[in-house]
Amino acid sequence: MTDGVLKPILDLGASESEYTVTVEIPGVDEKNLKIEVEKNIMIIRGEKKQEKEEKKKSYYRLERFYGSFQRTLSLPEDADQDGIKATFKQGVLTVTLPRKALPKSDVRQIAIKTV
């Protein structure tokens, strides 16, 4: 974290049936996360608010950590935006995007002859 901006680690994966986006964001509360999809763009936003208080006989310490992040991803053409699902467990956000079949393209090969 630098200057109140978090830079979480993001992993991307793909299989024949789905894409997976995994974001490590320890200390971020689920209620401070937001995922938005508009057109072919997915935006993952979050905010970390953490307070640590320590009271001892000889001292008192209060530490506050605040930070936010935003990750913007272009979605592949075959991502099914209506089927996106997200889970959050132990500081790891996992977003799955099912893949849909694309119509076959009308591209055809043209033979080249030497003259």
Protein backbone atom coordinates (compact mmCIF):
# COMPACT_ATOMS: atom_id res chain seq x y z
CA MET A 1 0.00 0.00 0.00
CA THR A 2 1.35 3.40 -0.99
CA ASP A 3 -0.37 6.75 -0.50
CA GLY A 4 -3.67 5.11 0.45
CA VAL A 5 -3.77 3.06 -2.76
CA LEU A 6 -3.82 -0.72 -2.52
CA LYS A 7 -2.30 -2.77 -5.31
CA PRO A 8 -3.75 -6.25 -4.82
CA ILE A 9 -2.36 -9.26 -6.62
CA LEU A 10 -4.62 -10.40 -9.44
CA ASP A 11 -4.45 -13.81 -11.12
CA LEU A 12 -6.24 -14.71 -14.35
CA GLY A 13 -7.05 -18.24 -15.43
CA ALA A 14 -8.94 -19.88 -18.27
CA SER A 15 -10.35 -23.31 -18.96
CA GLU A 16 -12.54 -24.58 -21.77
CA SER A 17 -15.68 -23.71 -19.80
CA GLU A 18 -14.83 -20.54 -17.83
CA TYR A 19 -12.48 -17.69 -17.00
CA THR A 20 -11.38 -17.11 -13.41
CA VAL A 21 -10.17 -13.87 -11.81
CA THR A 22 -8.67 -14.16 -8.33
CA VAL A 23 -7.78 -11.09 -6.26
CA GLU A 24 -5.94 -11.31 -2.93
CA ILE A 25 -7.24 -8.56 -0.64
CA PRO A 26 -6.64 -9.49 3.00
CA GLY A 27 -8.17 -7.15 5.54
CA VAL A 28 -10.85 -5.90 3.14
CA ASP A 29 -14.41 -6.42 4.30
CA GLU A 30 -16.89 -7.95 1.85
CA LYS A 31 -19.25 -4.99 2.27
CA ASN A 32 -16.47 -2.72 0.96
CA LEU A 33 -16.18 -4.58 -2.36
CA LYS A 34 -18.00 -3.76 -5.58
CA ILE A 35 -17.94 -5.46 -8.98
CA GLU A 36 -19.47 -3.72 -11.99
CA VAL A 37 -19.76 -4.80 -15.62
CA GLU A 38 -20.52 -2.37 -18.40
CA LYS A 39 -20.26 -3.39 -22.03
CA ASN A 40 -17.08 -5.52 -22.14
CA ILE A 41 -15.40 -3.96 -19.11
CA MET A 42 -15.38 -5.36 -15.56
CA ILE A 43 -14.37 -3.04 -12.72
CA ILE A 44 -13.46 -4.44 -9.30
CA ARG A 45 -13.34 -1.80 -6.55
CA GLY A 46 -12.59 -2.07 -2.88
CA GLU A 47 -11.64 -0.19 0.23
CA LYS A 48 -9.68 -1.26 3.27
CA LYS A 49 -10.47 0.29 6.62
CA GLN A 50 -8.60 -1.14 9.55
CA GLU A 51 -8.12 0.16 13.05
CA LYS A 52 -5.87 -1.34 15.72
CA GLU A 53 -6.05 -0.10 19.28
CA GLU A 54 -3.73 -1.11 22.11
CA LYS A 55 -4.08 0.03 25.72
CA LYS A 56 -1.41 -0.76 28.28
CA LYS A 57 -0.55 0.75 31.63
CA SER A 58 2.30 2.82 30.27
CA TYR A 59 1.05 3.68 26.78
CA TYR A 60 -1.87 3.93 24.38
CA ARG A 61 -1.54 3.25 20.65
CA LEU A 62 -4.12 3.64 17.90
CA GLU A 63 -3.22 2.79 14.31
CA ARG A 64 -5.48 3.31 11.33
CA PHE A 65 -4.99 1.96 7.83
CA TYR A 66 -7.10 3.16 4.93
CA GLY A 67 -6.70 2.42 1.26
CA SER A 68 -8.67 1.79 -1.87
CA PHE A 69 -8.11 -0.01 -5.13
CA GLN A 70 -9.67 -0.38 -8.54
CA ARG A 71 -8.86 -2.96 -11.19
CA THR A 72 -10.31 -2.65 -14.68
CA LEU A 73 -10.39 -5.67 -16.97
CA SER A 74 -11.44 -6.00 -20.60
CA LEU A 75 -13.64 -9.07 -20.91
CA PRO A 76 -13.06 -11.58 -23.69
CA GLU A 77 -15.66 -11.76 -26.45
CA ASP A 78 -16.81 -15.22 -25.37
CA ALA A 79 -17.36 -14.31 -21.68
CA ASP A 80 -21.01 -14.80 -20.64
CA GLN A 81 -21.63 -11.54 -18.77
CA ASP A 82 -25.02 -12.72 -17.52
CA GLY A 83 -23.48 -15.72 -15.76
CA ILE A 84 -20.74 -13.95 -13.76
CA LYS A 85 -20.47 -15.13 -10.15
CA ALA A 86 -18.27 -13.90 -7.31
CA THR A 87 -17.25 -15.43 -3.98
CA PHE A 88 -15.20 -13.98 -1.15
CA LYS A 89 -13.44 -16.17 1.40
CA GLN A 90 -10.58 -15.42 3.80
CA GLY A 91 -9.43 -12.32 1.96
CA VAL A 92 -9.59 -13.83 -1.53
CA LEU A 93 -12.14 -12.65 -4.10
CA THR A 94 -12.85 -15.15 -6.89
CA VAL A 95 -14.86 -14.09 -9.93
CA THR A 96 -15.91 -16.76 -12.45
CA LEU A 97 -17.10 -15.93 -15.94
CA PRO A 98 -18.63 -18.79 -17.93
CA ARG A 99 -17.61 -19.04 -21.57
CA LYS A 100 -20.25 -19.09 -24.27
CA ALA A 101 -20.01 -20.55 -27.73
CA LEU A 102 -19.32 -17.96 -30.39
CA PRO A 103 -20.88 -18.22 -33.82
CA LYS A 104 -18.51 -19.71 -36.33
CA SER A 105 -16.85 -17.06 -38.40
CA ASP A 106 -17.35 -16.87 -42.13
CA VAL A 107 -13.61 -16.81 -42.74
CA ARG A 108 -12.47 -19.17 -45.45
CA GLN A 109 -9.05 -19.92 -46.84
CA ILE A 110 -8.23 -18.92 -50.41
CA ALA A 111 -5.74 -21.08 -52.25
CA ILE A 112 -2.82 -19.24 -53.80
CA LYS A 113 -1.52 -20.58 -57.11
CA THR A 114 1.85 -19.87 -58.58
CA VAL A 115 1.70 -18.69 -62.20
